[in-house]
C-alpha atoms as a PDB file:
ATOM      1  CA  UNK A   1      16.976 169.218  28.150  1.00  0.00           C
ATOM      2  CA  UNK A   2      19.691 167.384  26.186  1.00  0.00           C
ATOM      3  CA  UNK A   3      21.204 163.966  26.609  1.00  0.00           C
ATOM      4  CA  UNK A   4      24.555 165.624  27.210  1.00  0.00           C
ATOM      5  CA  UNK A   5      23.198 167.288  30.357  1.00  0.00           C
ATOM      6  CA  UNK A   6      23.429 164.081  32.343  1.00  0.00           C
ATOM      7  CA  UNK A   7      26.048 164.262  35.055  1.00  0.00           C
ATOM      8  CA  UNK A   8      28.439 161.323  34.968  1.00  0.00           C
ATOM      9  CA  UNK A   9      29.581 160.496  38.535  1.00  0.00           C
ATOM     10  CA  UNK A  10      33.216 159.623  39.063  1.00  0.00           C
ATOM     11  CA  UNK A  11      33.973 155.909  39.240  1.00  0.00           C
ATOM     12  CA  UNK A  12      36.505 155.522  42.037  1.00  0.00           C
ATOM     13  CA  UNK A  13      39.153 153.068  43.210  1.00  0.00           C
ATOM     14  CA  UNK A  14      38.486 149.929  41.189  1.00  0.00           C
ATOM     15  CA  UNK A  15      34.722 150.488  41.375  1.00  0.00           C
ATOM     16  CA  UNK A  16      34.764 150.033  45.112  1.00  0.00           C
ATOM     17  CA  UNK A  17      33.544 153.423  46.329  1.00  0.00           C
ATOM     18  CA  UNK A  18      29.940 154.545  46.095  1.00  0.00           C
ATOM     19  CA  UNK A  19      29.022 156.811  43.179  1.00  0.00           C
ATOM     20  CA  UNK A  20      27.631 160.281  43.705  1.00  0.00           C
ATOM     21  CA  UNK A  21      24.080 160.902  44.815  1.00  0.00           C
ATOM     22  CA  UNK A  22      21.115 160.769  42.459  1.00  0.00           C
ATOM     23  CA  UNK A  23      21.237 163.443  39.809  1.00  0.00           C
ATOM     24  CA  UNK A  24      18.708 166.225  40.279  1.00  0.00           C
ATOM     25  CA  UNK A  25      15.570 166.145  38.164  1.00  0.00           C
ATOM     26  CA  UNK A  26      14.693 168.169  35.109  1.00  0.00           C
ATOM     27  CA  UNK A  27      13.227 171.480  36.176  1.00  0.00           C
ATOM     28  CA  UNK A  28       9.714 172.468  35.244  1.00  0.00           C
ATOM     29  CA  UNK A  29       7.556 169.828  33.643  1.00  0.00           C
ATOM     30  CA  UNK A  30       8.234 166.627  35.562  1.00  0.00           C
ATOM     31  CA  UNK A  31       9.039 165.217  38.949  1.00  0.00           C
ATOM     32  CA  UNK A  32      11.191 162.082  39.030  1.00  0.00           C
ATOM     33  CA  UNK A  33       9.421 159.129  40.629  1.00  0.00           C
ATOM     34  CA  UNK A  34      11.172 155.725  40.476  1.00  0.00           C
ATOM     35  CA  UNK A  35      13.864 153.980  38.422  1.00  0.00           C
ATOM     36  CA  UNK A  36      11.998 150.715  37.710  1.00  0.00           C
ATOM     37  CA  UNK A  37      11.182 150.438  34.011  1.00  0.00           C
ATOM     38  CA  UNK A  38       9.219 147.976  31.897  1.00  0.00           C
ATOM     39  CA  UNK A  39      11.123 146.751  28.852  1.00  0.00           C
ATOM     40  CA  UNK A  40       8.860 145.538  26.028  1.00  0.00           C
ATOM     41  CA  UNK A  41      10.545 143.656  23.171  1.00  0.00           C
ATOM     42  CA  UNK A  42       9.469 141.437  20.307  1.00  0.00           C
ATOM     43  CA  UNK A  43       9.712 138.484  22.693  1.00  0.00           C
ATOM     44  CA  UNK A  44       7.696 139.840  25.607  1.00  0.00           C
ATOM     45  CA  UNK A  45       8.077 141.974  28.713  1.00  0.00           C
ATOM     46  CA  UNK A  46      10.765 142.157  31.394  1.00  0.00           C
ATOM     47  CA  UNK A  47      11.968 144.704  33.919  1.00  0.00           C
ATOM     48  CA  UNK A  48      15.035 146.886  34.068  1.00  0.00           C
ATOM     49  CA  UNK A  49      16.453 149.804  36.008  1.00  0.00           C
ATOM     50  CA  UNK A  50      17.337 153.313  34.940  1.00  0.00           C
ATOM     51  CA  UNK A  51      20.691 154.267  36.446  1.00  0.00           C
ATOM     52  CA  UNK A  52      23.137 157.139  36.299  1.00  0.00           C
ATOM     53  CA  UNK A  53      24.869 155.161  33.525  1.00  0.00           C
ATOM     54  CA  UNK A  54      21.681 154.453  31.576  1.00  0.00           C
ATOM     55  CA  UNK A  55      18.969 151.819  31.418  1.00  0.00           C
ATOM     56  CA  UNK A  56      20.132 148.291  32.207  1.00  0.00           C
ATOM     57  CA  UNK A  57      18.273 145.008  31.663  1.00  0.00           C
ATOM     58  CA  UNK A  58      19.053 141.328  31.038  1.00  0.00           C
ATOM     59  CA  UNK A  59      17.682 140.781  27.530  1.00  0.00           C
ATOM     60  CA  UNK A  60      15.732 137.649  28.457  1.00  0.00           C
ATOM     61  CA  UNK A  61      12.927 138.433  25.995  1.00  0.00           C
ATOM     62  CA  UNK A  62      15.157 139.674  23.144  1.00  0.00           C
ATOM     63  CA  UNK A  63      18.811 140.518  22.617  1.00  0.00           C
ATOM     64  CA  UNK A  64      18.480 142.693  19.505  1.00  0.00           C
ATOM     65  CA  UNK A  65      15.916 144.766  17.689  1.00  0.00           C
ATOM     66  CA  UNK A  66      13.473 147.446  18.728  1.00  0.00           C
ATOM     67  CA  UNK A  67      12.487 148.012  22.336  1.00  0.00           C
ATOM     68  CA  UNK A  68       9.887 150.127  24.134  1.00  0.00           C
ATOM     69  CA  UNK A  69      10.839 151.377  27.583  1.00  0.00           C
ATOM     70  CA  UNK A  70       8.120 152.621  29.931  1.00  0.00           C
ATOM     71  CA  UNK A  71       9.250 154.787  32.838  1.00  0.00           C
ATOM     72  CA  UNK A  72       7.220 156.428  35.600  1.00  0.00           C
ATOM     73  CA  UNK A  73       7.483 160.150  36.303  1.00  0.00           C
ATOM     74  CA  UNK A  74       5.635 162.168  38.880  1.00  0.00           C
ATOM     75  CA  UNK A  75       2.877 162.845  36.346  1.00  0.00           C
ATOM     76  CA  UNK A  76       2.564 159.226  35.187  1.00  0.00           C
ATOM     77  CA  UNK A  77       4.160 156.749  32.755  1.00  0.00           C
ATOM     78  CA  UNK A  78       5.834 157.550  29.473  1.00  0.00           C
ATOM     79  CA  UNK A  79       7.044 155.118  26.815  1.00  0.00           C
ATOM     80  CA  UNK A  80      10.169 155.708  24.742  1.00  0.00           C
ATOM     81  CA  UNK A  81      11.255 153.702  21.691  1.00  0.00           C
ATOM     82  CA  UNK A  82      14.862 152.630  21.209  1.00  0.00           C
ATOM     83  CA  UNK A  83      17.125 149.802  20.014  1.00  0.00           C
ATOM     84  CA  UNK A  84      18.624 147.048  22.172  1.00  0.00           C
ATOM     85  CA  UNK A  85      22.358 147.531  22.675  1.00  0.00           C
ATOM     86  CA  UNK A  86      24.437 144.606  24.051  1.00  0.00           C
ATOM     87  CA  UNK A  87      26.885 145.519  26.814  1.00  0.00           C
ATOM     88  CA  UNK A  88      28.374 142.056  27.414  1.00  0.00           C
ATOM     89  CA  UNK A  89      28.017 139.153  29.864  1.00  0.00           C
ATOM     90  CA  UNK A  90      24.255 139.000  29.357  1.00  0.00           C
ATOM     91  CA  UNK A  91      23.726 142.680  30.152  1.00  0.00           C
ATOM     92  CA  UNK A  92      21.921 145.049  27.775  1.00  0.00           C
ATOM     93  CA  UNK A  93      21.049 148.718  27.545  1.00  0.00           C
ATOM     94  CA  UNK A  94      18.992 151.035  25.338  1.00  0.00           C
ATOM     95  CA  UNK A  95      19.501 154.756  24.892  1.00  0.00           C
ATOM     96  CA  UNK A  96      16.461 157.020  25.230  1.00  0.00           C
ATOM     97  CA  UNK A  97      16.246 160.581  23.960  1.00  0.00           C
ATOM     98  CA  UNK A  98      14.952 161.926  27.247  1.00  0.00           C
ATOM     99  CA  UNK A  99      16.381 161.468  30.697  1.00  0.00           C
ATOM    100  CA  UNK A 100      14.491 158.933  32.794  1.00  0.00           C
ATOM    101  CA  UNK A 101      14.131 158.686  36.578  1.00  0.00           C
ATOM    102  CA  UNK A 102      17.404 157.198  37.749  1.00  0.00           C
ATOM    103  CA  UNK A 103      19.412 155.917  40.696  1.00  0.00           C
ATOM    104  CA  UNK A 104      23.165 155.618  41.241  1.00  0.00           C
ATOM    105  CA  UNK A 105      24.873 152.294  40.757  1.00  0.00           C
ATOM    106  CA  UNK A 106      26.745 150.939  43.773  1.00  0.00           C
ATOM    107  CA  UNK A 107      29.733 148.701  43.043  1.00  0.00           C
ATOM    108  CA  UNK A 108      29.788 147.001  46.428  1.00  0.00           C
ATOM    109  CA  UNK A 109      29.886 143.213  46.062  1.00  0.00           C
ATOM    110  CA  UNK A 110      27.088 141.678  48.113  1.00  0.00           C
ATOM    111  CA  UNK A 111      27.945 139.203  50.870  1.00  0.00           C
ATOM    112  CA  UNK A 112      25.768 136.657  52.707  1.00  0.00           C
ATOM    113  CA  UNK A 113      23.765 138.413  55.388  1.00  0.00           C
ATOM    114  CA  UNK A 114      23.655 141.790  53.620  1.00  0.00           C
ATOM    115  CA  UNK A 115      20.205 143.382  53.612  1.00  0.00           C
ATOM    116  CA  UNK A 116      18.818 144.459  50.229  1.00  0.00           C
ATOM    117  CA  UNK A 117      15.591 145.904  48.870  1.00  0.00           C
ATOM    118  CA  UNK A 118      14.117 144.155  45.831  1.00  0.00           C
ATOM    119  CA  UNK A 119      11.737 146.249  43.710  1.00  0.00           C
ATOM    120  CA  UNK A 120       9.636 145.025  40.794  1.00  0.00           C
ATOM    121  CA  UNK A 121       6.552 146.184  38.943  1.00  0.00           C
ATOM    122  CA  UNK A 122       3.309 144.306  38.313  1.00  0.00           C
ATOM    123  CA  UNK A 123       0.332 145.625  36.302  1.00  0.00           C
ATOM    124  CA  UNK A 124      -1.170 146.932  39.540  1.00  0.00           C
ATOM    125  CA  UNK A 125       1.968 148.809  40.571  1.00  0.00           C
ATOM    126  CA  UNK A 126       5.291 148.473  42.373  1.00  0.00           C
ATOM    127  CA  UNK A 127       6.088 145.691  44.822  1.00  0.00           C
ATOM    128  CA  UNK A 128       8.973 145.668  47.296  1.00  0.00           C
ATOM    129  CA  UNK A 129      10.621 143.112  49.581  1.00  0.00           C
ATOM    130  CA  UNK A 130      13.444 143.582  52.080  1.00  0.00           C
ATOM    131  CA  UNK A 131      15.489 140.370  52.288  1.00  0.00           C
ATOM    132  CA  UNK A 132      18.953 139.129  53.261  1.00  0.00           C
ATOM    133  CA  UNK A 133      21.529 137.693  50.874  1.00  0.00           C
ATOM    134  CA  UNK A 134      21.812 133.907  51.191  1.00  0.00           C
ATOM    135  CA  UNK A 135      24.611 131.471  50.404  1.00  0.00           C
ATOM    136  CA  UNK A 136      24.825 127.852  49.288  1.00  0.00           C
ATOM    137  CA  UNK A 137      28.096 125.899  48.950  1.00  0.00           C
ATOM    138  CA  UNK A 138      26.896 124.563  45.596  1.00  0.00           C
ATOM    139  CA  UNK A 139      26.462 128.009  44.051  1.00  0.00           C
ATOM    140  CA  UNK A 140      28.997 130.688  43.111  1.00  0.00           C
ATOM    141  CA  UNK A 141      26.836 133.762  42.850  1.00  0.00           C
ATOM    142  CA  UNK A 142      24.324 136.010  44.591  1.00  0.00           C
ATOM    143  CA  UNK A 143      21.306 134.264  46.082  1.00  0.00           C
ATOM    144  CA  UNK A 144      18.192 135.672  47.723  1.00  0.00           C
ATOM    145  CA  UNK A 145      15.196 133.899  49.230  1.00  0.00           C
ATOM    146  CA  UNK A 146      12.298 133.063  46.926  1.00  0.00           C
ATOM    147  CA  UNK A 147       9.754 135.886  46.730  1.00  0.00           C
ATOM    148  CA  UNK A 148       6.108 135.480  45.822  1.00  0.00           C
ATOM    149  CA  UNK A 149       5.955 138.186  43.117  1.00  0.00           C
ATOM    150  CA  UNK A 150       8.822 136.517  41.235  1.00  0.00           C
ATOM    151  CA  UNK A 151       7.655 132.889  41.316  1.00  0.00           C
ATOM    152  CA  UNK A 152       6.221 131.809  37.960  1.00  0.00           C
ATOM    153  CA  UNK A 153       6.483 135.392  36.724  1.00  0.00           C
ATOM    154  CA  UNK A 154       9.069 135.675  33.945  1.00  0.00           C
ATOM    155  CA  UNK A 155       8.013 139.292  33.388  1.00  0.00           C
ATOM    156  CA  UNK A 156       9.617 140.106  36.764  1.00  0.00           C
ATOM    157  CA  UNK A 157      13.095 139.153  35.576  1.00  0.00           C
ATOM    158  CA  UNK A 158      15.169 142.326  35.856  1.00  0.00           C
ATOM    159  CA  UNK A 159      13.623 143.525  39.113  1.00  0.00           C
ATOM    160  CA  UNK A 160      16.109 145.825  40.815  1.00  0.00           C
ATOM    161  CA  UNK A 161      18.179 144.846  43.852  1.00  0.00           C
ATOM    162  CA  UNK A 162      19.172 147.867  45.920  1.00  0.00           C
ATOM    163  CA  UNK A 163      21.135 148.794  49.026  1.00  0.00           C
ATOM    164  CA  UNK A 164      19.866 151.632  51.222  1.00  0.00           C
ATOM    165  CA  UNK A 165      22.603 153.863  52.678  1.00  0.00           C
ATOM    166  CA  UNK A 166      21.661 154.621  56.287  1.00  0.00           C
ATOM    167  CA  UNK A 167      18.398 152.778  55.700  1.00  0.00           C
ATOM    168  CA  UNK A 168      17.009 155.627  53.570  1.00  0.00           C
ATOM    169  CA  UNK A 169      14.885 154.203  50.739  1.00  0.00           C
ATOM    170  CA  UNK A 170      14.952 157.605  49.019  1.00  0.00           C
ATOM    171  CA  UNK A 171      18.688 157.113  48.455  1.00  0.00           C
ATOM    172  CA  UNK A 172      18.659 153.552  47.172  1.00  0.00           C
ATOM    173  CA  UNK A 173      21.532 152.400  44.958  1.00  0.00           C
ATOM    174  CA  UNK A 174      21.435 149.577  42.412  1.00  0.00           C
ATOM    175  CA  UNK A 175      23.624 146.534  43.097  1.00  0.00           C
ATOM    176  CA  UNK A 176      21.956 143.895  40.944  1.00  0.00           C
ATOM    177  CA  UNK A 177      19.066 142.624  38.840  1.00  0.00           C
ATOM    178  CA  UNK A 178      16.945 139.560  39.552  1.00  0.00           C
ATOM    179  CA  UNK A 179      17.776 136.917  36.949  1.00  0.00           C
ATOM    180  CA  UNK A 180      15.403 134.080  37.892  1.00  0.00           C
ATOM    181  CA  UNK A 181      14.891 131.253  40.358  1.00  0.00           C
ATOM    182  CA  UNK A 182      17.037 128.246  41.144  1.00  0.00           C
ATOM    183  CA  UNK A 183      16.004 124.906  42.649  1.00  0.00           C
ATOM    184  CA  UNK A 184      18.603 122.624  44.239  1.00  0.00           C
ATOM    185  CA  UNK A 185      17.986 119.128  45.556  1.00  0.00           C
ATOM    186  CA  UNK A 186      20.303 116.808  47.451  1.00  0.00           C
ATOM    187  CA  UNK A 187      17.876 113.916  47.601  1.00  0.00           C
ATOM    188  CA  UNK A 188      16.718 114.660  51.124  1.00  0.00           C
ATOM    189  CA  UNK A 189      15.565 118.242  50.714  1.00  0.00           C
ATOM    190  CA  UNK A 190      14.960 120.830  48.035  1.00  0.00           C
ATOM    191  CA  UNK A 191      15.987 124.452  48.345  1.00  0.00           C
ATOM    192  CA  UNK A 192      14.825 127.293  46.137  1.00  0.00           C
ATOM    193  CA  UNK A 193      16.499 130.641  45.655  1.00  0.00           C
ATOM    194  CA  UNK A 194      16.163 133.848  43.690  1.00  0.00           C
ATOM    195  CA  UNK A 195      19.264 134.451  41.575  1.00  0.00           C
ATOM    196  CA  UNK A 196      20.820 137.855  40.911  1.00  0.00           C
ATOM    197  CA  UNK A 197      23.176 139.346  38.329  1.00  0.00           C
ATOM    198  CA  UNK A 198      25.457 141.599  40.366  1.00  0.00           C
ATOM    199  CA  UNK A 199      28.203 144.157  39.960  1.00  0.00           C
ATOM    200  CA  UNK A 200      30.686 141.655  38.491  1.00  0.00           C
ATOM    201  CA  UNK A 201      28.635 141.970  35.293  1.00  0.00           C
ATOM    202  CA  UNK A 202      26.815 145.293  35.654  1.00  0.00           C
ATOM    203  CA  UNK A 203      30.092 147.275  35.767  1.00  0.00           C
ATOM    204  CA  UNK A 204      30.350 146.802  31.992  1.00  0.00           C
ATOM    205  CA  UNK A 205      27.605 149.370  31.568  1.00  0.00           C
ATOM    206  CA  UNK A 206      29.930 152.089  32.883  1.00  0.00           C
ATOM    207  CA  UNK A 207      32.555 151.852  30.128  1.00  0.00           C
ATOM    208  CA  UNK A 208      29.847 151.307  27.520  1.00  0.00           C
ATOM    209  CA  UNK A 209      27.979 154.438  28.559  1.00  0.00           C
ATOM    210  CA  UNK A 210      31.072 156.637  28.537  1.00  0.00           C
ATOM    211  CA  UNK A 211      31.848 155.577  24.977  1.00  0.00           C
ATOM    212  CA  UNK A 212      28.236 156.145  23.888  1.00  0.00           C
ATOM    213  CA  UNK A 213      28.135 159.657  25.343  1.00  0.00           C
ATOM    214  CA  UNK A 214      31.350 160.562  23.509  1.00  0.00           C
ATOM    215  CA  UNK A 215      30.058 159.523  20.102  1.00  0.00           C
ATOM    216  CA  UNK A 216      26.368 160.513  20.232  1.00  0.00           C
ATOM    217  CA  UNK A 217      25.236 164.108  19.532  1.00  0.00           C
ATOM    218  CA  UNK A 218      22.759 165.684  21.965  1.00  0.00           C
ATOM    219  CA  UNK A 219      19.034 165.543  21.176  1.00  0.00           C
ATOM    220  CA  UNK A 220      16.526 168.282  22.032  1.00  0.00           C
ATOM    221  CA  UNK A 221      12.934 167.356  22.891  1.00  0.00           C
ATOM    222  CA  UNK A 222      10.224 169.976  23.424  1.00  0.00           C
ATOM    223  CA  UNK A 223       8.287 167.672  25.790  1.00  0.00           C
ATOM    224  CA  UNK A 224      11.076 167.801  28.401  1.00  0.00           C
ATOM    225  CA  UNK A 225      12.195 171.427  28.067  1.00  0.00           C
END
């Protein structure tokens, strides 16, 4: 299978309409499993998501240099080496020679009260939490409640935030990446939130990917044919 065989869904109406469904898997050797990837850099480990526009992560452990991306297929994990590629606004990508499990990106801007699924990966496997988007008058951005797997766990930065069309978790679509935790105090009480980088920044990956596909020749790999 070649890199050029990826289908690029149409980006519609100012990024406001949902992209096409998940691209079908490579035939034969592998079954696609999940889009959560571990990103290992010279500075440590963080999470990212593999989307229909490529791998996306926040570069909290490194913003340049070599990177190792571990993805999970139906027959287990596989690690691919690449180079960190800045997209802009604190968003990064890395091109792999083989196609990874992926999900569509959804360019819906989250609002308070929206339900989302947060998915991360610990050494013992995936964790998931269904939560509602919060708001705070002191913050201009996406907030979620604090979640146990994220607290004091910098390696969970980059956990995916997804919406589920019709409640179907097999059709989840990426709307953000967990960026950390935030603590606010007004003297009388302290509130803690999980912060998220959303579509206002992740959309940059779309234009970046289209340019990359135009200029990069396809690569054949026997292990995915």
